[in-house]
Protein backbone atom coordinates (compact mmCIF):
# COMPACT_ATOMS: atom_id res chain seq x y z
CA MET A 1 -41.57 85.80 -81.66
CA PRO A 2 -42.29 84.18 -85.06
CA LYS A 3 -45.92 83.57 -85.96
CA THR A 4 -47.33 80.05 -85.97
CA PRO A 5 -47.89 79.01 -89.63
CA ILE A 6 -51.46 78.54 -90.76
CA ASN A 7 -52.91 75.90 -93.11
CA PRO A 8 -56.16 77.48 -94.32
CA VAL A 9 -59.22 75.40 -95.14
CA VAL A 10 -61.56 76.64 -97.87
CA TRP A 11 -65.06 77.43 -96.55
CA GLN A 12 -68.02 79.15 -98.13
CA PRO A 13 -69.58 81.41 -95.50
CA PRO A 14 -73.27 82.21 -95.73
CA SER A 15 -74.07 85.63 -97.18
CA ALA A 16 -74.03 88.16 -94.38
CA PRO A 17 -77.51 89.33 -93.39
CA THR A 18 -78.46 92.98 -93.91
CA ARG A 19 -78.22 93.50 -90.15
CA ALA A 20 -74.44 92.97 -90.36
CA ARG A 21 -74.06 96.29 -92.21
CA GLN A 22 -76.06 98.36 -89.75
CA ARG A 23 -74.21 100.10 -86.93
CA SER A 24 -76.97 100.61 -84.36
CA SER A 25 -80.13 98.91 -83.20
CA LEU A 26 -83.66 100.25 -83.40
CA ARG A 27 -83.74 100.52 -79.63
CA ARG A 28 -81.44 103.27 -78.39
CA PHE A 29 -79.53 102.76 -75.17
CA ASP A 30 -76.56 104.38 -73.46
CA PRO A 31 -74.50 102.05 -71.24
CA SER A 32 -73.00 103.39 -68.05
CA ILE A 33 -69.45 102.28 -67.27
CA VAL A 34 -67.28 101.37 -64.31
CA ARG A 35 -63.64 102.19 -65.01
CA LEU A 36 -61.11 99.57 -63.97
CA PRO A 37 -57.47 99.64 -62.86
CA GLY A 38 -56.61 97.28 -65.70
CA CYS A 39 -57.47 96.41 -69.28
CA GLY A 40 -59.51 93.68 -70.91
CA PRO A 41 -62.28 92.40 -68.59
CA GLU A 42 -63.17 89.75 -71.17
CA ASP A 43 -66.08 88.27 -69.20
CA VAL A 44 -68.28 89.37 -66.31
CA VAL A 45 -70.32 87.50 -63.69
CA VAL A 46 -72.64 88.65 -60.88
CA ASP A 47 -73.00 86.87 -57.52
CA SER A 48 -76.14 86.54 -55.39
CA ASN A 49 -75.24 89.72 -53.47
CA GLY A 50 -74.89 91.77 -56.64
CA ALA A 51 -71.09 91.89 -56.61
CA VAL A 52 -69.52 91.74 -60.08
CA TYR A 53 -66.34 89.80 -60.84
CA VAL A 54 -64.02 90.24 -63.83
CA GLY A 55 -60.54 89.14 -64.82
CA VAL A 56 -58.13 91.57 -66.49
CA GLN A 57 -55.22 91.21 -68.85
CA ASP A 58 -52.44 91.05 -66.24
CA GLY A 59 -54.06 88.12 -64.38
CA ARG A 60 -55.88 89.94 -61.60
CA ILE A 61 -59.43 89.03 -60.59
CA LEU A 62 -61.37 92.14 -59.53
CA ARG A 63 -64.58 92.51 -57.54
CA LEU A 64 -66.89 95.47 -58.16
CA SER A 65 -69.30 96.25 -55.34
CA GLU A 66 -71.80 99.08 -55.12
CA ASP A 67 -70.26 102.41 -54.02
CA LEU A 68 -66.80 100.82 -53.57
CA PRO A 69 -63.77 101.04 -55.86
CA PRO A 70 -62.74 97.87 -57.72
CA GLU A 71 -60.96 95.47 -55.36
CA GLN A 72 -58.42 92.78 -56.27
CA VAL A 73 -59.37 89.38 -54.83
CA ALA A 74 -56.84 87.10 -56.59
CA ASP A 75 -54.23 86.81 -59.31
CA THR A 76 -54.22 83.80 -61.63
CA GLY A 77 -50.70 84.48 -62.87
CA GLY A 78 -52.00 84.13 -66.42
CA ARG A 79 -54.70 85.66 -68.60
CA PRO A 80 -58.25 85.06 -67.29
CA LEU A 81 -61.08 84.93 -69.82
CA GLY A 82 -64.41 83.27 -68.93
CA ILE A 83 -65.51 83.51 -65.29
CA GLU A 84 -68.35 81.71 -63.45
CA ILE A 85 -69.52 81.43 -59.84
CA ALA A 86 -69.68 77.93 -58.35
CA PRO A 87 -72.36 76.97 -55.80
CA ASP A 88 -69.79 77.21 -52.98
CA GLY A 89 -68.95 80.82 -53.89
CA THR A 90 -65.61 80.08 -55.52
CA LEU A 91 -64.92 81.26 -59.05
CA ILE A 92 -64.33 78.96 -62.01
CA VAL A 93 -61.96 80.79 -64.33
CA CYS A 94 -60.88 79.87 -67.83
CA ASP A 95 -57.32 81.13 -68.08
CA CYS A 96 -55.99 80.90 -71.61
CA THR A 97 -52.42 80.32 -70.43
CA ARG A 98 -53.01 78.20 -67.29
CA GLY A 99 -56.16 76.22 -68.04
CA LEU A 100 -59.34 75.71 -66.02
CA LEU A 101 -58.93 77.18 -62.53
CA ARG A 102 -60.79 77.41 -59.24
CA VAL A 103 -60.24 80.76 -57.52
CA ASP A 104 -61.29 81.51 -53.94
CA PRO A 105 -62.20 85.21 -53.77
CA THR A 106 -61.95 85.15 -49.97
CA SER A 107 -58.44 83.74 -49.58
CA GLY A 108 -57.13 84.52 -53.06
CA SER A 109 -55.99 80.92 -53.59
CA VAL A 110 -55.81 79.56 -57.14
CA GLU A 111 -56.16 75.84 -57.93
CA VAL A 112 -55.54 74.34 -61.36
CA LEU A 113 -58.37 71.95 -62.21
CA VAL A 114 -57.46 71.04 -65.80
CA ASP A 115 -54.45 72.14 -67.82
CA GLU A 116 -53.88 69.18 -70.13
CA ILE A 117 -55.78 66.42 -71.90
CA ALA A 118 -54.07 63.05 -72.47
CA GLY A 119 -50.73 64.65 -71.65
CA ILE A 120 -51.17 67.49 -74.14
CA ARG A 121 -51.46 70.98 -72.73
CA ILE A 122 -54.66 72.91 -73.44
CA LYS A 123 -53.86 75.87 -75.70
CA PHE A 124 -56.95 78.05 -75.41
CA CYS A 125 -59.23 77.49 -72.41
CA ASN A 126 -61.93 80.09 -73.03
CA ASN A 127 -65.34 79.85 -71.34
CA SER A 128 -67.27 77.57 -68.97
CA THR A 129 -70.64 76.79 -67.44
CA ILE A 130 -71.42 74.82 -64.27
CA ALA A 131 -74.12 72.16 -63.97
CA ARG A 132 -76.12 71.44 -60.83
CA ASP A 133 -74.31 68.10 -60.42
CA GLY A 134 -70.99 69.94 -60.16
CA SER A 135 -69.84 69.16 -63.70
CA ILE A 136 -67.99 71.96 -65.47
CA TYR A 137 -68.41 72.22 -69.22
CA PHE A 138 -65.72 74.34 -70.86
CA THR A 139 -64.40 75.27 -74.28
CA ASP A 140 -60.94 74.89 -75.75
CA SER A 141 -61.17 77.26 -78.69
CA SER A 142 -58.32 75.83 -80.76
CA THR A 143 -55.76 73.04 -80.54
CA HIS A 144 -53.53 74.92 -83.02
CA PHE A 145 -53.36 78.45 -81.63
CA GLY A 146 -53.36 80.22 -78.28
CA GLN A 147 -55.29 83.38 -77.44
CA PRO A 148 -52.63 85.85 -78.67
CA GLU A 149 -53.01 84.31 -82.15
CA TYR A 150 -56.80 83.99 -82.17
CA VAL A 151 -56.95 85.73 -85.56
CA ALA A 152 -54.91 82.86 -87.00
CA ASP A 153 -57.65 80.39 -86.08
CA LEU A 154 -60.28 82.54 -87.78
CA LEU A 155 -58.11 82.74 -90.90
CA GLU A 156 -57.25 79.03 -90.92
CA HIS A 157 -60.82 77.85 -90.27
CA SER A 158 -59.68 74.30 -89.53
CA GLY A 159 -62.31 73.51 -86.90
CA THR A 160 -60.19 72.26 -84.00
CA GLY A 161 -62.32 73.77 -81.22
CA ARG A 162 -63.93 71.46 -78.66
CA VAL A 163 -66.18 71.23 -75.63
CA LEU A 164 -64.94 69.31 -72.58
CA ARG A 165 -66.60 68.21 -69.35
CA ARG A 166 -64.92 67.85 -65.96
CA ASP A 167 -66.95 65.89 -63.41
CA GLN A 168 -66.70 66.19 -59.63
CA SER A 169 -64.14 63.37 -59.49
CA GLY A 170 -61.82 65.38 -61.73
CA ALA A 171 -62.25 63.12 -64.76
CA VAL A 172 -62.40 64.96 -68.09
CA GLU A 173 -64.23 63.78 -71.19
CA LEU A 174 -64.76 65.12 -74.69
CA VAL A 175 -68.31 66.34 -75.33
CA ALA A 176 -67.92 67.75 -78.86
CA ASP A 177 -65.12 68.54 -81.28
CA GLY A 178 -64.72 69.86 -84.81
CA LEU A 179 -65.97 73.30 -83.80
CA ASP A 180 -64.88 76.46 -85.61
CA PHE A 181 -63.37 78.47 -82.74
CA ALA A 182 -65.42 77.14 -79.82
CA ASN A 183 -66.04 80.16 -77.63
CA GLY A 184 -68.83 80.97 -75.16
CA ILE A 185 -70.83 78.17 -73.57
CA THR A 186 -73.91 78.06 -71.36
CA LEU A 187 -76.53 75.64 -70.05
CA SER A 188 -80.24 76.02 -70.72
CA PRO A 189 -82.36 76.82 -67.64
CA ALA A 190 -83.45 73.16 -67.44
CA GLN A 191 -79.87 72.04 -68.15
CA ASP A 192 -81.09 69.70 -70.89
CA PHE A 193 -78.82 71.27 -73.50
CA LEU A 194 -75.73 73.40 -73.98
CA VAL A 195 -75.41 76.38 -76.26
CA VAL A 196 -71.89 76.96 -77.60
CA ALA A 197 -70.71 79.81 -79.81
CA GLU A 198 -68.70 78.99 -82.92
CA THR A 199 -67.01 82.29 -83.60
CA GLY A 200 -65.52 81.12 -86.90
CA GLY A 201 -68.84 79.67 -88.07
CA TYR A 202 -70.92 82.77 -87.19
CA ARG A 203 -73.39 80.60 -85.28
CA LEU A 204 -74.58 79.11 -82.03
CA GLN A 205 -74.82 75.35 -81.72
CA ARG A 206 -77.06 73.35 -79.40
CA ILE A 207 -75.74 70.13 -77.81
CA TRP A 208 -78.44 67.98 -76.20
CA LEU A 209 -77.52 66.53 -72.80
CA SER A 210 -80.72 64.59 -72.00
CA GLY A 211 -83.92 63.36 -73.59
CA PRO A 212 -84.40 61.39 -76.81
CA ARG A 213 -81.78 63.45 -78.66
CA CYS A 214 -79.08 63.20 -75.98
CA GLY A 215 -75.64 63.61 -77.54
CA GLU A 216 -76.93 65.15 -80.75
CA ARG A 217 -75.89 68.56 -82.09
CA GLU A 218 -77.90 71.04 -84.12
CA ILE A 219 -77.77 74.67 -85.16
CA PHE A 220 -79.41 76.89 -82.54
CA VAL A 221 -78.91 80.21 -84.38
CA ASP A 222 -77.23 80.39 -87.78
CA ASN A 223 -75.66 83.17 -89.86
CA LEU A 224 -75.27 85.72 -87.10
CA PRO A 225 -74.62 89.33 -88.17
CA GLY A 226 -71.48 89.47 -86.01
CA LEU A 227 -68.80 87.19 -84.61
CA PRO A 228 -70.20 85.57 -81.44
CA ASP A 229 -68.08 85.46 -78.30
CA ASN A 230 -69.27 84.64 -74.77
CA VAL A 231 -72.80 83.43 -74.13
CA SER A 232 -74.73 83.23 -70.87
CA THR A 233 -78.16 82.26 -69.59
CA GLY A 234 -79.87 85.25 -68.01
CA SER A 235 -82.11 85.40 -64.98
CA ASP A 236 -84.80 86.09 -67.61
CA GLY A 237 -84.26 82.59 -69.06
CA LEU A 238 -82.87 83.96 -72.32
CA ILE A 239 -79.61 82.99 -74.00
CA TRP A 240 -77.46 86.12 -74.27
CA VAL A 241 -74.59 86.44 -76.73
CA ALA A 242 -71.93 89.14 -77.09
CA LEU A 243 -70.96 90.20 -80.61
CA PRO A 244 -67.60 92.00 -80.28
CA SER A 245 -67.37 92.68 -84.00
CA PRO A 246 -69.71 92.81 -86.98
CA ARG A 247 -69.04 90.37 -89.78
CA ASN A 248 -65.79 91.23 -91.54
CA ARG A 249 -66.18 91.65 -95.29
CA THR A 250 -62.52 90.92 -95.97
CA LEU A 251 -62.65 87.65 -94.03
CA ASP A 252 -65.87 86.60 -95.78
CA PHE A 253 -64.21 87.38 -99.12
CA LEU A 254 -61.08 85.35 -98.33
CA LEU A 255 -62.59 82.22 -96.77
CA PRO A 256 -63.86 80.58 -100.00
CA ARG A 257 -60.80 81.55 -102.04
CA ARG A 258 -57.29 80.18 -102.49
CA PRO A 259 -55.67 79.48 -99.10
CA ILE A 260 -52.50 81.35 -100.11
CA LEU A 261 -54.40 84.64 -99.81
CA ARG A 262 -55.05 84.07 -96.11
CA LYS A 263 -51.43 83.06 -95.59
CA ILE A 264 -50.42 86.41 -97.05
CA VAL A 265 -52.83 88.28 -94.78
CA TRP A 266 -51.53 86.41 -91.72
CA ALA A 267 -47.95 87.31 -92.68
CA LEU A 268 -48.77 91.03 -92.75
CA PRO A 269 -47.91 93.21 -89.77
CA GLU A 270 -50.91 93.58 -87.48
CA SER A 271 -51.19 97.28 -88.36
CA LEU A 272 -51.90 96.34 -92.00
CA ARG A 273 -54.53 93.67 -91.32
CA PRO A 274 -58.26 94.52 -91.42
CA ARG A 275 -59.45 96.14 -88.19
CA ASP A 276 -62.54 95.39 -86.14
CA THR A 277 -65.33 97.96 -86.20
CA PRO A 278 -65.78 99.58 -82.76
CA THR A 279 -69.17 98.56 -81.42
CA VAL A 280 -71.15 97.63 -78.31
CA TRP A 281 -73.46 94.79 -79.37
CA VAL A 282 -75.39 92.05 -77.58
CA GLN A 283 -78.34 89.89 -78.51
CA ALA A 284 -80.68 87.57 -76.60
CA TYR A 285 -82.58 84.53 -77.88
CA ASP A 286 -85.34 82.42 -76.41
CA LEU A 287 -84.99 78.65 -76.10
CA THR A 288 -86.26 78.09 -79.63
CA GLY A 289 -83.57 80.36 -81.11
CA ARG A 290 -85.94 83.28 -81.70
CA LEU A 291 -84.35 86.73 -81.42
CA VAL A 292 -85.80 88.67 -78.46
CA HIS A 293 -83.31 91.53 -77.91
CA ASP A 294 -80.93 93.11 -80.42
CA LEU A 295 -79.00 95.98 -78.82
CA GLN A 296 -76.16 97.83 -80.54
CA THR A 297 -74.55 101.21 -80.05
CA THR A 298 -71.14 102.86 -79.74
CA HIS A 299 -69.42 104.23 -76.65
CA PRO A 300 -66.19 106.25 -76.36
CA GLU A 301 -64.82 104.05 -73.55
CA LEU A 302 -66.27 100.68 -74.46
CA ARG A 303 -65.67 98.50 -77.51
CA MET A 304 -65.19 94.87 -78.50
CA VAL A 305 -67.80 93.67 -76.00
CA SER A 306 -66.90 90.00 -75.49
CA GLY A 307 -68.93 89.16 -72.36
CA VAL A 308 -72.59 89.68 -71.43
CA ARG A 309 -74.54 88.82 -68.29
CA GLU A 310 -78.17 89.69 -67.53
CA SER A 311 -78.97 89.71 -63.81
CA ALA A 312 -82.26 90.95 -62.31
CA GLY A 313 -82.93 93.23 -65.25
CA THR A 314 -79.45 94.73 -65.52
CA VAL A 315 -77.20 93.73 -68.41
CA TRP A 316 -73.45 93.76 -67.69
CA LEU A 317 -70.86 93.99 -70.45
CA GLY A 318 -67.27 92.76 -70.47
CA SER A 319 -64.70 93.82 -73.05
CA LEU A 320 -61.54 92.25 -74.43
CA GLU A 321 -59.93 95.63 -75.10
CA SER A 322 -61.46 98.31 -72.85
CA SER A 323 -60.46 99.41 -69.35
CA ALA A 324 -64.07 99.40 -68.14
CA VAL A 325 -67.18 97.28 -67.86
CA GLY A 326 -70.54 98.54 -69.03
CA PHE A 327 -74.06 98.10 -67.73
CA PHE A 328 -77.58 99.19 -68.55
CA ALA A 329 -81.12 98.51 -67.38
CA LEU A 330 -83.05 96.22 -69.66
């Protein structure tokens, strides 16, 4: 299949912090893993009984329960990414090929909630978060490229990512656009603001939902040392972010230079393009954007950690490329 052409936009990235060049954190930790009958559990969520749910590359939704082997509970028929648990126990799944879905882990039924906006199909439904009023906030990472071509969006840097909101009636509205690869999204504990990851901007943005600044956007954390992916609000009240890859020197070099250079890189076979550095890396920030936890290591069976979820002192790790999920005690 021919590649979608890119039209790169010149952007001057901030100078990478020193932390971007380090390959481990000061705190040492060794994640345990649960091997899966499938690859790519991009996100991970934990229910009130401690069961863990993930979606894998071939469309299956798996449940991991203590002392039991992974169990299939549904199949989206697409490629599940972000996964959340609704108050009624159903799963809200962002499927990058089918859209925003509701999955019943008891019956296995799959319902499409949103797959197009104004008659135009969503290309890259990525991550969601659920408000107490039943609203679902979710990201559409790019209106130019789907998930298989996510590298193209990072190279193009055209800022077509957006945040959308679906209310209980099914109506969908635009919350924010112009985002550089809108990725993970989460609500603050008080649900007065959203935090959304801009993978292509190396930052987390805050979108106020109430109070005197309602509707305004601001930088929550800027110039991250890695490319942010999924974010979540932990039971500890912190905002957790997965960093599947450190900052890429080649990408930082290319972004402010002539667009033709990125077109050449995109035209190269994948085997010749710069590779991600294998790492297991998550961070946590308080509600002012202050870094609280910075945890990085390597693991022979875990890399490209794209999802993170803290629950009752245990941190769970999803991965876009591994055939396992990780976990460790905080």
